[in-house]
Every structure is written in structure tokens, then in C-alpha cells.
Amino acid sequence: MIDGGVLAGVLPLVGVALGAGLQFLLSRSLEAGRQLKVQKGQAYADYFKAFALAATKGKSAEANGLAVDAKTRICIYGSPAVVKKLGEFEKLGAVLESEESRRTIAELLREMRADMNGVAPQLDDEALQWALFGPSRR
């Protein structure tokens, strides 16, 4: 039989060790989730940066390199819905020459926002198109 004094001395130590272990595992999991969100957000922003660079300066090696890098990271870190919309936009030639391509890139941005915020999109595609292209490209 275990002595009550020994048990009273060991139980707090076990509780502290168990608490510390759980805290370590939880903080590690939270940090991994935080890093994933940062990587994802940076990839999403870099894709639009490359897109804007190509739109203003033409398709340069710099813009193409940035786009390829961002697309690769989106395929690694992005949600399935984002990767699907990115593929749809790429099938259209990744240009804004048609109403369908402008709608698709607005949908892509909407999916990216939903993925980053973890909630259903609050903006409709028309609002995003106005924000992205203004009256000149509609």
C-alpha cells in the first residue's frame, strides 16, 4: 500500500508535469496553425502582386517568376476551393480580357478571403470586381 504522504507529494508533481506537457503540445499546435496562415496569406498576396506587376509592366521574367512561386505555394498551402478557382482562372489564360475571367478572379479572391478569415464570404463578386477593376474594366 502506498503511503499517503508519498502520494500527497507525488500527485502535485505529476499534475505539474502533465499540465506542462499539455501546454507545450497546445502551444506547438497553435504556432503551426499560425505559421500556416502566414504562409498562405503571403502566397495569396504574392499572386496578386505578380498579377498587378504583369498588368502594369507587361509579362516580364520578374512577374512570371513571382507568379510561378506564388502559384506553387498556393497549391501547397491553399484550401481546395482556392486551388480549384486558381486552376479555373489559369484555364482562362490568367488574363482579364473577358467578363468570365474577371468574374473568376473575383471568385478566386473571395475564396482566398474566406480561407483566411475562416468564414463564409461576405462580399459578392460584383463588389469585388468593382474594387479590383473599377468602372473601366467592367
N, C-alpha and C. Protein backbone atom coordinates (compact mmCIF):
# COMPACT_ATOMS: atom_id res chain seq x y z
N MET A 1 0.82 -1.17 0.00
CA MET A 1 0.00 0.00 0.00
C MET A 1 0.87 1.25 0.00
N ILE A 2 0.44 2.26 -0.74
CA ILE A 2 1.21 3.49 -0.87
C ILE A 2 0.93 4.40 0.31
N ASP A 3 1.99 4.94 0.84
CA ASP A 3 1.87 5.85 1.98
C ASP A 3 1.19 7.14 1.53
N GLY A 4 0.27 7.66 2.31
CA GLY A 4 -0.48 8.88 1.99
C GLY A 4 0.43 10.08 1.81
N GLY A 5 1.51 10.16 2.57
CA GLY A 5 2.44 11.28 2.46
C GLY A 5 3.19 11.26 1.14
N VAL A 6 3.58 10.07 0.70
CA VAL A 6 4.27 9.94 -0.59
C VAL A 6 3.31 10.30 -1.72
N LEU A 7 2.10 9.80 -1.64
CA LEU A 7 1.09 10.10 -2.66
C LEU A 7 0.80 11.60 -2.71
N ALA A 8 0.71 12.22 -1.56
CA ALA A 8 0.45 13.67 -1.50
C ALA A 8 1.62 14.45 -2.07
N GLY A 9 2.82 13.93 -2.02
CA GLY A 9 3.98 14.62 -2.58
C GLY A 9 4.15 14.37 -4.07
N VAL A 10 3.74 13.20 -4.54
CA VAL A 10 3.94 12.83 -5.94
C VAL A 10 2.83 13.38 -6.85
N LEU A 11 1.60 13.37 -6.39
CA LEU A 11 0.49 13.81 -7.22
C LEU A 11 0.64 15.25 -7.75
N PRO A 12 1.04 16.20 -6.94
CA PRO A 12 1.23 17.55 -7.49
C PRO A 12 2.31 17.60 -8.57
N LEU A 13 3.37 16.82 -8.40
CA LEU A 13 4.44 16.78 -9.41
C LEU A 13 3.93 16.19 -10.72
N VAL A 14 3.14 15.13 -10.62
CA VAL A 14 2.54 14.51 -11.81
C VAL A 14 1.60 15.51 -12.49
N GLY A 15 0.81 16.22 -11.69
CA GLY A 15 -0.10 17.22 -12.25
C GLY A 15 0.62 18.33 -12.96
N VAL A 16 1.72 18.81 -12.37
CA VAL A 16 2.52 19.88 -12.99
C VAL A 16 3.14 19.37 -14.29
N ALA A 17 3.71 18.18 -14.26
CA ALA A 17 4.33 17.62 -15.46
C ALA A 17 3.30 17.41 -16.57
N LEU A 18 2.14 16.90 -16.21
CA LEU A 18 1.09 16.69 -17.19
C LEU A 18 0.60 18.02 -17.77
N GLY A 19 0.41 19.01 -16.92
CA GLY A 19 -0.01 20.34 -17.37
C GLY A 19 1.01 20.98 -18.29
N ALA A 20 2.29 20.86 -17.94
CA ALA A 20 3.36 21.44 -18.77
C ALA A 20 3.41 20.75 -20.13
N GLY A 21 3.25 19.43 -20.12
CA GLY A 21 3.26 18.70 -21.39
C GLY A 21 2.11 19.09 -22.29
N LEU A 22 0.92 19.21 -21.71
CA LEU A 22 -0.25 19.61 -22.49
C LEU A 22 -0.11 21.03 -23.01
N GLN A 23 0.42 21.92 -22.19
CA GLN A 23 0.63 23.30 -22.62
C GLN A 23 1.62 23.36 -23.77
N PHE A 24 2.69 22.58 -23.70
CA PHE A 24 3.68 22.53 -24.77
C PHE A 24 3.04 22.06 -26.08
N LEU A 25 2.29 20.97 -26.01
CA LEU A 25 1.65 20.43 -27.22
C LEU A 25 0.65 21.42 -27.81
N LEU A 26 -0.13 22.06 -26.96
CA LEU A 26 -1.12 23.02 -27.44
C LEU A 26 -0.45 24.24 -28.07
N SER A 27 0.57 24.76 -27.43
CA SER A 27 1.25 25.95 -27.99
C SER A 27 1.95 25.60 -29.30
N ARG A 28 2.49 24.40 -29.39
CA ARG A 28 3.14 23.97 -30.64
C ARG A 28 2.12 23.86 -31.77
N SER A 29 0.95 23.33 -31.45
CA SER A 29 -0.11 23.20 -32.45
C SER A 29 -0.60 24.58 -32.89
N LEU A 30 -0.78 25.49 -31.94
CA LEU A 30 -1.23 26.85 -32.28
C LEU A 30 -0.19 27.56 -33.14
N GLU A 31 1.07 27.40 -32.83
CA GLU A 31 2.13 28.05 -33.60
C GLU A 31 2.19 27.49 -35.02
N ALA A 32 2.00 26.19 -35.17
CA ALA A 32 1.98 25.59 -36.51
C ALA A 32 0.82 26.15 -37.33
N GLY A 33 -0.35 26.29 -36.70
CA GLY A 33 -1.50 26.87 -37.39
C GLY A 33 -1.26 28.31 -37.77
N ARG A 34 -0.64 29.06 -36.88
CA ARG A 34 -0.33 30.46 -37.15
C ARG A 34 0.65 30.59 -38.33
N GLN A 35 1.67 29.73 -38.35
CA GLN A 35 2.65 29.77 -39.43
C GLN A 35 2.01 29.40 -40.77
N LEU A 36 1.11 28.42 -40.76
CA LEU A 36 0.41 28.04 -41.98
C LEU A 36 -0.41 29.21 -42.51
N LYS A 37 -1.10 29.91 -41.62
CA LYS A 37 -1.91 31.05 -42.03
C LYS A 37 -1.03 32.16 -42.62
N VAL A 38 0.12 32.40 -42.04
CA VAL A 38 1.05 33.41 -42.56
C VAL A 38 1.53 33.00 -43.95
N GLN A 39 1.94 31.76 -44.11
CA GLN A 39 2.43 31.28 -45.40
C GLN A 39 1.34 31.38 -46.47
N LYS A 40 0.14 30.99 -46.10
CA LYS A 40 -0.99 31.03 -47.02
C LYS A 40 -1.29 32.47 -47.43
N GLY A 41 -1.38 33.35 -46.47
CA GLY A 41 -1.68 34.75 -46.76
C GLY A 41 -0.62 35.40 -47.63
N GLN A 42 0.64 35.07 -47.37
CA GLN A 42 1.73 35.63 -48.18
C GLN A 42 1.66 35.11 -49.61
N ALA A 43 1.35 33.84 -49.77
CA ALA A 43 1.23 33.27 -51.12
C ALA A 43 0.09 33.93 -51.88
N TYR A 44 -1.05 34.14 -51.21
CA TYR A 44 -2.19 34.77 -51.84
C TYR A 44 -1.86 36.21 -52.26
N ALA A 45 -1.22 36.94 -51.36
CA ALA A 45 -0.86 38.33 -51.66
C ALA A 45 0.18 38.39 -52.78
N ASP A 46 1.14 37.48 -52.77
CA ASP A 46 2.17 37.47 -53.81
C ASP A 46 1.58 37.18 -55.19
N TYR A 47 0.56 36.34 -55.24
CA TYR A 47 -0.07 36.05 -56.53
C TYR A 47 -0.67 37.32 -57.12
N PHE A 48 -1.38 38.07 -56.29
CA PHE A 48 -1.99 39.30 -56.80
C PHE A 48 -0.93 40.37 -57.07
N LYS A 49 0.17 40.33 -56.33
CA LYS A 49 1.28 41.24 -56.61
C LYS A 49 1.87 40.96 -57.99
N ALA A 50 2.07 39.69 -58.29
CA ALA A 50 2.59 39.30 -59.60
C ALA A 50 1.61 39.66 -60.70
N PHE A 51 0.35 39.47 -60.42
CA PHE A 51 -0.69 39.80 -61.39
C PHE A 51 -0.70 41.30 -61.68
N ALA A 52 -0.59 42.10 -60.63
CA ALA A 52 -0.56 43.57 -60.80
C ALA A 52 0.70 44.00 -61.52
N LEU A 53 1.82 43.37 -61.22
CA LEU A 53 3.08 43.69 -61.89
C LEU A 53 2.98 43.40 -63.38
N ALA A 54 2.40 42.26 -63.73
CA ALA A 54 2.24 41.90 -65.15
C ALA A 54 1.27 42.85 -65.84
N ALA A 55 0.24 43.30 -65.13
CA ALA A 55 -0.75 44.20 -65.72
C ALA A 55 -0.16 45.59 -65.97
N THR A 56 0.74 46.02 -65.11
CA THR A 56 1.30 47.37 -65.26
C THR A 56 2.57 47.42 -66.09
N LYS A 57 3.40 46.39 -66.00
CA LYS A 57 4.69 46.41 -66.70
C LYS A 57 4.81 45.36 -67.79
N GLY A 58 3.75 44.63 -68.03
CA GLY A 58 3.80 43.56 -69.03
C GLY A 58 4.36 42.29 -68.42
N LYS A 59 4.22 41.21 -69.17
CA LYS A 59 4.69 39.92 -68.67
C LYS A 59 6.20 39.86 -68.75
N SER A 60 6.84 40.18 -67.66
CA SER A 60 8.29 40.15 -67.58
C SER A 60 8.74 38.87 -66.88
N ALA A 61 10.04 38.62 -66.91
CA ALA A 61 10.58 37.46 -66.21
C ALA A 61 10.32 37.58 -64.71
N GLU A 62 10.40 38.80 -64.20
CA GLU A 62 10.16 39.04 -62.77
C GLU A 62 8.72 38.69 -62.40
N ALA A 63 7.76 39.18 -63.20
CA ALA A 63 6.35 38.90 -62.93
C ALA A 63 6.05 37.41 -63.07
N ASN A 64 6.60 36.79 -64.10
CA ASN A 64 6.38 35.35 -64.29
C ASN A 64 6.97 34.54 -63.14
N GLY A 65 8.17 34.89 -62.71
CA GLY A 65 8.81 34.18 -61.61
C GLY A 65 8.02 34.31 -60.31
N LEU A 66 7.56 35.53 -60.05
CA LEU A 66 6.77 35.76 -58.84
C LEU A 66 5.45 34.98 -58.91
N ALA A 67 4.84 34.96 -60.08
CA ALA A 67 3.57 34.24 -60.25
C ALA A 67 3.76 32.74 -60.06
N VAL A 68 4.79 32.17 -60.66
CA VAL A 68 5.04 30.73 -60.53
C VAL A 68 5.31 30.37 -59.08
N ASP A 69 6.12 31.18 -58.41
CA ASP A 69 6.41 30.93 -57.00
C ASP A 69 5.13 30.99 -56.16
N ALA A 70 4.33 32.02 -56.37
CA ALA A 70 3.09 32.18 -55.60
C ALA A 70 2.12 31.04 -55.89
N LYS A 71 1.97 30.67 -57.16
CA LYS A 71 1.05 29.58 -57.51
C LYS A 71 1.49 28.26 -56.87
N THR A 72 2.79 28.02 -56.84
CA THR A 72 3.29 26.80 -56.22
C THR A 72 2.95 26.78 -54.74
N ARG A 73 3.17 27.91 -54.06
CA ARG A 73 2.86 27.97 -52.63
C ARG A 73 1.35 27.88 -52.39
N ILE A 74 0.55 28.43 -53.28
CA ILE A 74 -0.91 28.31 -53.15
C ILE A 74 -1.32 26.84 -53.27
N CYS A 75 -0.70 26.12 -54.20
CA CYS A 75 -1.02 24.70 -54.34
C CYS A 75 -0.60 23.89 -53.11
N ILE A 76 0.44 24.36 -52.41
CA ILE A 76 0.89 23.67 -51.20
C ILE A 76 0.03 24.04 -50.00
N TYR A 77 -0.18 25.34 -49.79
CA TYR A 77 -0.82 25.81 -48.56
C TYR A 77 -2.30 26.14 -48.70
N GLY A 78 -2.76 26.41 -49.91
CA GLY A 78 -4.12 26.90 -50.11
C GLY A 78 -5.19 25.85 -49.88
N SER A 79 -6.39 26.34 -49.64
CA SER A 79 -7.52 25.44 -49.46
C SER A 79 -7.90 24.82 -50.81
N PRO A 80 -8.59 23.71 -50.81
CA PRO A 80 -9.03 23.10 -52.07
C PRO A 80 -9.86 24.04 -52.93
N ALA A 81 -10.73 24.84 -52.31
CA ALA A 81 -11.56 25.78 -53.07
C ALA A 81 -10.70 26.83 -53.77
N VAL A 82 -9.66 27.31 -53.09
CA VAL A 82 -8.77 28.31 -53.69
C VAL A 82 -7.99 27.70 -54.84
N VAL A 83 -7.45 26.52 -54.64
CA VAL A 83 -6.67 25.86 -55.71
C VAL A 83 -7.56 25.61 -56.92
N LYS A 84 -8.81 25.21 -56.69
CA LYS A 84 -9.75 24.97 -57.79
C LYS A 84 -10.01 26.26 -58.57
N LYS A 85 -10.27 27.37 -57.86
CA LYS A 85 -10.54 28.65 -58.54
C LYS A 85 -9.30 29.15 -59.26
N LEU A 86 -8.12 28.94 -58.68
CA LEU A 86 -6.88 29.33 -59.35
C LEU A 86 -6.73 28.55 -60.66
N GLY A 87 -7.04 27.26 -60.61
CA GLY A 87 -6.98 26.44 -61.82
C GLY A 87 -7.96 26.92 -62.88
N GLU A 88 -9.16 27.30 -62.46
CA GLU A 88 -10.15 27.82 -63.41
C GLU A 88 -9.65 29.10 -64.07
N PHE A 89 -9.05 29.98 -63.27
CA PHE A 89 -8.54 31.23 -63.82
C PHE A 89 -7.38 30.98 -64.77
N GLU A 90 -6.51 30.05 -64.43
CA GLU A 90 -5.39 29.71 -65.30
C GLU A 90 -5.88 29.09 -66.61
N LYS A 91 -6.95 28.29 -66.56
CA LYS A 91 -7.52 27.72 -67.78
C LYS A 91 -8.01 28.81 -68.74
N LEU A 92 -8.45 29.93 -68.15
CA LEU A 92 -8.93 31.05 -68.97
C LEU A 92 -7.78 31.91 -69.50
N GLY A 93 -6.55 31.51 -69.20
CA GLY A 93 -5.38 32.23 -69.69
C GLY A 93 -4.79 33.22 -68.69
N ALA A 94 -5.37 33.31 -67.51
CA ALA A 94 -4.88 34.21 -66.45
C ALA A 94 -4.77 35.65 -66.95
N VAL A 95 -5.75 36.05 -67.75
CA VAL A 95 -5.82 37.42 -68.26
C VAL A 95 -7.22 37.96 -68.00
N LEU A 96 -7.34 39.25 -68.05
CA LEU A 96 -8.64 39.89 -67.75
C LEU A 96 -9.34 40.36 -69.01
N GLU A 97 -9.28 39.60 -70.05
CA GLU A 97 -9.82 40.02 -71.33
C GLU A 97 -11.31 39.76 -71.49
N SER A 98 -11.90 38.99 -70.60
CA SER A 98 -13.32 38.68 -70.74
C SER A 98 -14.04 38.86 -69.41
N GLU A 99 -15.34 38.97 -69.50
CA GLU A 99 -16.16 39.06 -68.29
C GLU A 99 -16.00 37.80 -67.45
N GLU A 100 -15.91 36.65 -68.10
CA GLU A 100 -15.75 35.39 -67.38
C GLU A 100 -14.45 35.36 -66.59
N SER A 101 -13.35 35.85 -67.17
CA SER A 101 -12.08 35.84 -66.45
C SER A 101 -12.10 36.83 -65.29
N ARG A 102 -12.74 37.98 -65.46
CA ARG A 102 -12.84 38.95 -64.36
C ARG A 102 -13.71 38.38 -63.23
N ARG A 103 -14.78 37.69 -63.60
CA ARG A 103 -15.63 37.06 -62.60
C ARG A 103 -14.86 35.97 -61.86
N THR A 104 -14.07 35.19 -62.59
CA THR A 104 -13.33 34.09 -61.98
C THR A 104 -12.26 34.60 -61.02
N ILE A 105 -11.56 35.67 -61.38
CA ILE A 105 -10.53 36.16 -60.46
C ILE A 105 -11.18 36.80 -59.23
N ALA A 106 -12.36 37.39 -59.39
CA ALA A 106 -13.09 37.90 -58.22
C ALA A 106 -13.51 36.74 -57.32
N GLU A 107 -13.94 35.64 -57.92
CA GLU A 107 -14.30 34.45 -57.14
C GLU A 107 -13.07 33.88 -56.43
N LEU A 108 -11.93 33.92 -57.11
CA LEU A 108 -10.68 33.46 -56.51
C LEU A 108 -10.35 34.30 -55.28
N LEU A 109 -10.45 35.60 -55.41
CA LEU A 109 -10.17 36.48 -54.29
C LEU A 109 -11.17 36.25 -53.15
N ARG A 110 -12.43 36.03 -53.49
CA ARG A 110 -13.45 35.76 -52.47
C ARG A 110 -13.11 34.47 -51.71
N GLU A 111 -12.68 33.44 -52.43
CA GLU A 111 -12.31 32.17 -51.78
C GLU A 111 -11.08 32.35 -50.90
N MET A 112 -10.14 33.18 -51.35
CA MET A 112 -8.95 33.44 -50.54
C MET A 112 -9.34 34.14 -49.24
N ARG A 113 -10.23 35.12 -49.34
CA ARG A 113 -10.71 35.83 -48.14
C ARG A 113 -11.41 34.86 -47.19
N ALA A 114 -12.24 34.00 -47.73
CA ALA A 114 -12.96 33.03 -46.90
C ALA A 114 -11.97 32.08 -46.22
N ASP A 115 -10.96 31.66 -46.95
CA ASP A 115 -9.96 30.75 -46.40
C ASP A 115 -9.17 31.42 -45.27
N MET A 116 -8.81 32.66 -45.46
CA MET A 116 -8.03 33.38 -44.44
C MET A 116 -8.87 33.74 -43.22
N ASN A 117 -10.12 34.09 -43.43
CA ASN A 117 -10.97 34.52 -42.33
C ASN A 117 -11.71 33.36 -41.66
N GLY A 118 -11.78 32.24 -42.33
CA GLY A 118 -12.45 31.09 -41.77
C GLY A 118 -13.96 31.21 -41.70
N VAL A 119 -14.52 32.12 -42.48
CA VAL A 119 -15.97 32.32 -42.50
C VAL A 119 -16.45 32.39 -43.94
N ALA A 120 -17.73 32.24 -44.12
CA ALA A 120 -18.31 32.35 -45.46
C ALA A 120 -18.09 33.77 -45.98
N PRO A 121 -17.87 33.91 -47.27
CA PRO A 121 -17.64 35.23 -47.86
C PRO A 121 -18.80 36.19 -47.62
N GLN A 122 -18.48 37.40 -47.25
CA GLN A 122 -19.49 38.42 -47.01
C GLN A 122 -19.63 39.37 -48.20
N LEU A 123 -18.70 39.32 -49.13
CA LEU A 123 -18.74 40.19 -50.30
C LEU A 123 -19.19 39.39 -51.51
N ASP A 124 -20.00 40.01 -52.34
CA ASP A 124 -20.37 39.33 -53.58
C ASP A 124 -19.33 39.64 -54.66
N ASP A 125 -19.38 38.87 -55.73
CA ASP A 125 -18.38 39.00 -56.79
C ASP A 125 -18.43 40.37 -57.46
N GLU A 126 -19.62 40.95 -57.59
CA GLU A 126 -19.72 42.25 -58.23
C GLU A 126 -18.97 43.32 -57.42
N ALA A 127 -19.11 43.28 -56.09
CA ALA A 127 -18.39 44.23 -55.24
C ALA A 127 -16.89 44.06 -55.38
N LEU A 128 -16.44 42.81 -55.44
CA LEU A 128 -15.01 42.56 -55.61
C LEU A 128 -14.52 43.02 -56.97
N GLN A 129 -15.33 42.81 -58.01
CA GLN A 129 -14.93 43.27 -59.34
C GLN A 129 -14.80 44.79 -59.39
N TRP A 130 -15.73 45.49 -58.76
CA TRP A 130 -15.63 46.96 -58.71
C TRP A 130 -14.38 47.38 -57.97
N ALA A 131 -14.09 46.69 -56.85
CA ALA A 131 -12.91 47.04 -56.07
C ALA A 131 -11.62 46.75 -56.84
N LEU A 132 -11.60 45.65 -57.58
CA LEU A 132 -10.40 45.28 -58.32
C LEU A 132 -10.20 46.09 -59.61
N PHE A 133 -11.28 46.28 -60.37
CA PHE A 133 -11.15 46.82 -61.72
C PHE A 133 -11.76 48.20 -61.90
N GLY A 134 -12.63 48.59 -60.98
CA GLY A 134 -13.28 49.89 -61.12
C GLY A 134 -14.21 49.91 -62.32
N PRO A 135 -14.67 51.07 -62.71
CA PRO A 135 -15.63 51.15 -63.82
C PRO A 135 -15.00 50.92 -65.18
N SER A 136 -13.69 51.06 -65.30
CA SER A 136 -13.05 50.97 -66.62
C SER A 136 -12.98 49.56 -67.17
N ARG A 137 -12.98 48.53 -66.29
CA ARG A 137 -12.81 47.16 -66.77
C ARG A 137 -14.08 46.34 -66.65
N ARG A 138 -15.20 46.96 -66.41
CA ARG A 138 -16.44 46.19 -66.20
C ARG A 138 -17.22 46.07 -67.45
